[in-house]
Protein backbone atom coordinates (compact mmCIF):
# COMPACT_ATOMS: atom_id res chain seq x y z
CA MET A 1 135.38 142.43 212.45
CA ILE A 2 137.97 145.16 213.10
CA HIS A 3 135.37 147.29 214.87
CA LYS A 4 134.57 144.41 217.22
CA GLU A 5 138.26 143.82 217.93
CA VAL A 6 138.78 147.48 218.78
CA GLU A 7 135.79 147.41 221.13
CA THR A 8 137.20 144.33 222.85
CA ILE A 9 140.58 146.01 223.36
CA LEU A 10 138.95 149.11 224.86
CA ASP A 11 136.72 147.00 227.10
CA ASN A 12 139.75 145.05 228.36
CA VAL A 13 141.69 148.24 229.11
CA ASN A 14 138.73 149.55 231.11
CA LEU A 15 138.36 146.26 232.99
CA GLU A 16 142.00 146.51 234.01
CA MET A 17 142.61 150.22 234.49
CA SER A 18 139.43 152.26 234.94
CA ASN A 19 139.03 154.21 238.18
CA TRP A 20 135.37 154.79 237.34
CA ASP A 21 134.51 151.09 237.14
CA LYS A 22 134.41 149.66 240.67
CA SER A 23 134.92 146.16 239.28
CA SER A 24 138.17 146.98 237.44
CA SER A 25 141.47 145.51 238.60
CA ILE A 26 142.81 148.93 239.63
CA SER A 27 139.63 149.85 241.53
CA LYS A 28 139.75 146.59 243.46
CA PHE A 29 143.39 147.27 244.33
CA ASN A 30 142.54 150.80 245.46
CA TYR A 31 139.70 149.63 247.71
CA LEU A 32 141.92 146.98 249.25
CA ARG A 33 142.97 147.91 252.78
CA LYS A 34 146.00 145.70 253.24
CA THR A 35 149.63 145.66 252.20
CA ASP A 36 149.88 142.06 251.00
CA PRO A 37 150.95 141.48 247.38
CA ILE A 38 148.12 140.84 244.92
CA SER A 39 148.39 139.06 241.57
CA ILE A 40 148.19 141.21 238.44
CA THR A 41 148.13 140.50 234.73
CA VAL A 42 151.05 140.80 232.34
CA THR A 43 149.25 143.76 230.75
CA LEU A 44 148.95 145.64 234.03
CA ALA A 45 152.55 144.86 234.94
CA LYS A 46 153.67 146.27 231.60
CA ILE A 47 151.89 149.60 232.01
CA LEU A 48 152.99 149.92 235.66
CA SER A 49 156.58 149.26 234.63
CA GLY A 50 156.30 151.97 231.97
CA ALA A 51 154.85 154.35 234.55
CA ASN A 52 157.75 153.65 236.91
CA LYS A 53 160.31 154.34 234.19
CA ILE A 54 158.78 157.69 233.26
CA HIS A 55 158.36 158.56 236.95
CA ASP A 56 162.11 158.09 237.39
CA GLN A 57 163.14 159.87 234.19
CA SER A 58 160.82 162.82 234.91
CA GLU A 59 162.23 163.13 238.44
CA GLY A 60 158.83 162.34 239.94
CA ALA A 61 156.76 164.71 237.80
CA PHE A 62 154.71 161.79 236.47
CA ASP A 63 153.04 159.99 239.37
CA ILE A 64 150.23 157.44 239.26
CA THR A 65 149.41 157.81 242.99
CA LEU A 66 148.14 161.38 242.57
CA MET A 67 144.45 160.59 243.17
CA PRO A 68 144.25 161.88 246.79
CA LEU A 69 145.33 165.29 245.50
CA THR A 70 143.09 165.39 242.43
CA ASP A 71 140.17 164.47 244.68
CA ILE A 72 140.66 167.25 247.23
CA TRP A 73 141.03 169.86 244.47
CA GLY A 74 137.82 168.61 242.85
CA PHE A 75 139.34 167.22 239.65
CA GLY A 76 138.85 163.55 240.54
CA ARG A 77 135.96 161.43 241.73
CA LYS A 78 134.52 164.31 243.80
CA ASN A 79 133.73 166.84 241.09
CA VAL A 80 133.45 169.82 243.44
CA LYS A 81 136.25 172.20 242.54
CA ARG A 82 137.62 174.15 245.49
CA VAL A 83 140.85 175.26 247.16
CA PRO A 84 141.65 172.77 249.96
CA SER A 85 143.22 173.75 253.26
CA GLU A 86 146.94 173.40 253.94
CA GLN A 87 146.15 170.51 256.29
CA GLU A 88 144.17 168.69 253.60
CA ILE A 89 147.07 169.05 251.16
CA GLU A 90 149.61 167.83 253.72
CA THR A 91 147.43 164.83 254.57
CA ALA A 92 146.89 163.93 250.90
CA LEU A 93 150.62 164.19 250.16
CA LYS A 94 151.27 161.38 252.65
CA SER A 95 149.45 159.04 250.24
CA VAL A 96 151.30 160.23 247.12
CA GLY A 97 154.59 158.88 245.74
CA GLN A 98 154.51 155.81 243.52
CA LYS A 99 158.05 154.55 244.10
CA ARG A 100 157.69 155.14 247.84
CA LEU A 101 154.24 153.57 248.22
CA LEU A 102 153.97 150.86 245.53
CA VAL A 103 156.03 147.71 244.98
CA LEU A 104 155.82 146.07 241.54
CA ASP A 105 157.29 142.62 241.03
CA GLN A 106 157.30 141.94 237.30
CA LYS A 107 158.71 138.45 237.62
CA ARG A 108 156.08 137.27 240.10
CA LEU A 109 153.41 139.53 238.56
CA THR A 110 152.40 141.10 241.87
CA LEU A 111 151.68 144.58 243.14
CA ARG A 112 151.47 145.70 246.74
CA LYS A 113 150.96 148.83 248.77
CA LYS A 114 153.28 150.01 251.49
CA ILE A 115 150.40 151.80 253.22
CA ASP A 116 146.71 150.92 253.18
CA GLU A 117 145.69 154.31 251.76
CA ALA A 118 147.83 154.08 248.62
CA SER A 119 145.92 154.18 245.33
CA VAL A 120 146.64 154.06 241.61
CA ASP A 121 145.27 156.29 238.84
CA LEU A 122 146.40 155.33 235.33
CA SER A 123 144.42 158.02 233.49
CA GLY A 124 147.65 159.74 232.47
CA ILE A 125 148.97 156.70 230.61
CA ALA A 126 146.11 154.25 229.92
CA LYS A 127 144.73 156.18 226.95
CA GLY A 128 148.07 155.95 225.18
CA PHE A 129 148.37 152.28 226.10
CA ALA A 130 144.96 151.59 224.52
CA ILE A 131 146.04 153.35 221.31
CA ASP A 132 149.14 151.15 221.18
CA GLN A 133 147.08 148.00 221.69
CA ILE A 134 144.77 148.93 218.82
CA SER A 135 147.72 149.83 216.59
CA THR A 136 149.40 146.48 217.30
CA SER A 137 146.16 144.70 216.43
CA LEU A 138 145.82 146.53 213.11
CA LYS A 139 149.43 145.82 212.16
CA ALA A 140 148.90 142.14 212.98
CA ARG A 141 146.12 142.16 210.37
CA GLY A 142 148.54 143.48 207.75
CA ILE A 143 147.21 147.05 207.87
CA SER A 144 150.12 149.47 207.66
CA ASP A 145 148.53 152.85 206.90
CA PHE A 146 146.18 154.07 209.61
CA LEU A 147 145.63 156.65 212.34
CA VAL A 148 144.26 155.76 215.79
CA GLU A 149 143.02 158.62 217.97
CA ILE A 150 141.53 158.59 221.46
CA GLY A 151 140.73 161.83 223.24
CA GLY A 152 143.21 163.88 221.23
CA ASP A 153 146.15 161.49 221.60
CA LEU A 154 147.04 159.48 218.52
CA TYR A 155 149.34 157.12 216.68
CA ALA A 156 149.89 157.60 212.92
CA SER A 157 151.19 154.59 211.01
CA GLY A 158 152.57 154.64 207.49
CA GLU A 159 151.12 157.28 205.19
CA LYS A 160 147.80 159.03 204.62
CA GLY A 161 148.24 158.50 200.88
CA PRO A 162 150.94 157.78 198.29
CA GLU A 163 154.03 159.75 199.35
CA SER A 164 151.79 161.80 201.64
CA PRO A 165 152.54 161.81 205.38
CA TRP A 166 149.98 162.27 208.09
CA ILE A 167 149.46 165.98 208.81
CA ILE A 168 148.69 166.81 212.44
CA GLY A 169 147.82 170.23 213.81
CA ILE A 170 148.72 171.42 217.31
CA GLU A 171 145.99 173.64 218.68
CA LYS A 172 146.69 177.04 220.18
CA PRO A 173 145.89 176.76 223.92
CA ASP A 174 142.89 179.06 223.82
CA GLN A 175 139.58 177.21 224.00
CA ARG A 176 137.68 180.14 222.46
CA PHE A 177 139.13 179.88 218.97
CA GLY A 178 140.52 176.39 218.29
CA GLU A 179 143.24 177.78 216.02
CA VAL A 180 146.11 175.61 214.80
CA ASP A 181 149.51 176.79 216.02
CA VAL A 182 151.87 174.26 214.43
CA ILE A 183 151.52 171.64 211.71
CA LEU A 184 153.43 168.36 211.98
CA ARG A 185 154.33 165.85 209.28
CA ILE A 186 154.63 162.42 210.88
CA SER A 187 154.81 158.73 210.10
CA ASN A 188 154.98 155.84 212.57
CA LYS A 189 154.85 158.25 215.49
CA ALA A 190 152.57 158.96 218.43
CA VAL A 191 151.47 162.46 219.42
CA ALA A 192 150.00 163.52 222.77
CA THR A 193 149.12 166.98 224.04
CA SER A 194 148.42 168.10 227.59
CA GLY A 195 147.24 171.57 228.60
CA ASP A 196 145.78 173.63 231.40
CA TYR A 197 143.15 175.49 229.37
CA ARG A 198 140.23 173.05 229.31
CA ASN A 199 139.93 171.83 232.88
CA PHE A 200 140.41 174.50 235.53
CA PHE A 201 138.58 176.78 237.92
CA GLU A 202 139.11 180.31 239.16
CA LYS A 203 138.95 181.56 242.71
CA ASP A 204 139.78 185.09 243.93
CA ASN A 205 141.16 186.02 240.50
CA ARG A 206 143.53 183.06 240.50
CA ARG A 207 143.46 180.19 238.03
CA TYR A 208 143.75 176.59 239.28
CA SER A 209 144.59 173.94 236.67
CA HIS A 210 143.81 170.21 236.88
CA ILE A 211 147.54 169.60 236.34
CA ILE A 212 148.81 169.03 239.87
CA ASP A 213 152.44 168.84 240.93
CA PRO A 214 152.88 165.66 243.01
CA LYS A 215 155.69 167.29 244.98
CA THR A 216 153.84 170.42 246.11
CA GLY A 217 150.32 169.02 246.10
CA ARG A 218 149.12 172.10 244.23
CA PRO A 219 148.15 172.96 240.65
CA ILE A 220 151.02 174.13 238.46
CA SER A 221 151.74 177.86 238.58
CA HIS A 222 154.23 178.34 235.73
CA GLN A 223 153.47 179.92 232.35
CA THR A 224 153.34 176.72 230.27
CA ALA A 225 149.88 176.48 228.71
CA SER A 226 150.29 173.27 226.71
CA VAL A 227 152.83 170.59 225.85
CA THR A 228 152.94 168.27 222.86
CA VAL A 229 155.15 165.17 222.86
CA LEU A 230 156.12 162.94 219.94
CA ALA A 231 157.24 159.39 220.71
CA ASP A 232 157.53 155.96 219.14
CA ASN A 233 154.48 154.76 221.07
CA ALA A 234 151.39 156.47 222.44
CA MET A 235 151.83 155.23 226.01
CA ASN A 236 155.10 157.13 226.38
CA ALA A 237 153.77 160.20 224.57
CA ASP A 238 150.69 160.28 226.83
CA ALA A 239 152.63 160.00 230.08
CA TRP A 240 155.41 162.37 229.05
CA ALA A 241 152.89 165.05 228.02
CA THR A 242 151.53 165.03 231.56
CA ALA A 243 155.01 165.00 233.09
CA MET A 244 156.15 167.92 230.94
CA MET A 245 153.11 170.00 231.93
CA VAL A 246 154.05 169.45 235.57
CA LEU A 247 157.69 170.34 234.92
CA GLY A 248 157.09 173.42 232.80
CA ALA A 249 159.25 174.56 229.91
CA LYS A 250 162.41 175.54 231.76
CA LYS A 251 163.00 172.27 233.60
CA GLY A 252 161.09 170.21 231.04
CA LEU A 253 163.47 171.13 228.21
CA VAL A 254 166.47 170.03 230.28
CA ILE A 255 164.88 166.64 230.93
CA ALA A 256 163.69 166.38 227.31
CA GLU A 257 167.21 166.87 225.98
CA LYS A 258 168.62 164.44 228.53
CA ASN A 259 166.16 161.73 227.43
CA ASN A 260 166.14 162.58 223.68
CA LEU A 261 162.46 163.53 223.74
CA ALA A 262 160.60 165.48 221.06
CA VAL A 263 158.69 168.10 223.04
CA PHE A 264 156.95 171.35 222.09
CA PHE A 265 155.89 173.90 224.73
CA ILE A 266 153.45 176.78 224.27
CA LEU A 267 153.79 179.41 226.99
CA ARG A 268 151.70 182.40 227.96
CA LYS A 269 153.29 185.78 227.50
CA GLY A 270 150.78 188.35 228.71
CA ALA A 271 147.77 188.08 226.40
CA ASN A 272 149.82 186.24 223.77
CA PHE A 273 151.66 182.94 223.40
CA HIS A 274 155.16 181.95 222.41
CA SER A 275 156.77 178.55 221.91
CA VAL A 276 159.95 176.64 222.61
CA SER A 277 160.86 173.10 221.64
CA SER A 278 163.50 170.45 222.07
CA ARG A 279 165.89 169.84 219.16
CA HIS A 280 164.30 166.43 218.44
CA PHE A 281 160.90 168.03 217.95
CA LYS A 282 162.06 170.46 215.29
CA ASP A 283 162.70 167.64 212.82
CA ALA A 284 158.96 166.91 212.75
CA VAL A 285 157.72 170.44 212.11
CA LEU A 286 156.37 171.08 208.61
CA ASN A 287 155.17 174.63 209.15
CA SER A 288 155.06 176.89 212.18
CA LYS A 289 153.17 180.08 212.89
CA THR A 290 154.66 180.53 216.33
CA ASN A 291 157.60 182.70 217.31
CA GLU A 292 160.49 180.27 217.46
């Protein structure tokens, strides 16, 4: 019964938010070539509102209209990784900017584009939203101790066992070894990690990550290799992890402290790694093998 309910939740999220399903609500909106308002569901309005809030708080680092850029770099629908021309980047940037190009009306439950070419990609927040939906469903059934994980993001409720918290490991950002860098002890918290070490390509001895800065139109170039965010819900953790990867540790820590976020950065230092974290994150650390 629970398995079926989880499947239904995941199916509904895909029907609303998948960019790979041409029949989804978001795909239909993206294919639409007009600027009239369209009706949306309460669910879609909720996730779009959350995306707008994090877009504002992250000073534009999190942006759900990024698809034109991910496509030209080969990280989107066109899976042909390459370095686009300056003109291609400039053209794509004209169709990026969620607060500039999208108008959400939560009261009327409508969404409209300001230009025909505007599009929405919720891949940076929908996974977390799905985790929250499943968690809410389990709690409604009276289940208090559980862990829900989708693609590395998770929500841990209650305890793993009597007086035993959930123990979560943060992986060192080196895909060759899969070593654990930090161990967390959490309860009733969501954890999301974003990194540049699994999806990238190299050209002329330069590394190009799938994490693209919506302001420059180019992959990030700072030394941050991965970011882990703890939050009260998985939707926020998911979106903030992406935003913090765009920002990098220096600016990201300033914004994290301003918004009381628990964030942990792992940075490259030559052939090695070192870490920095916000003060809220340190409360959750059980054991660390990094150089604090």
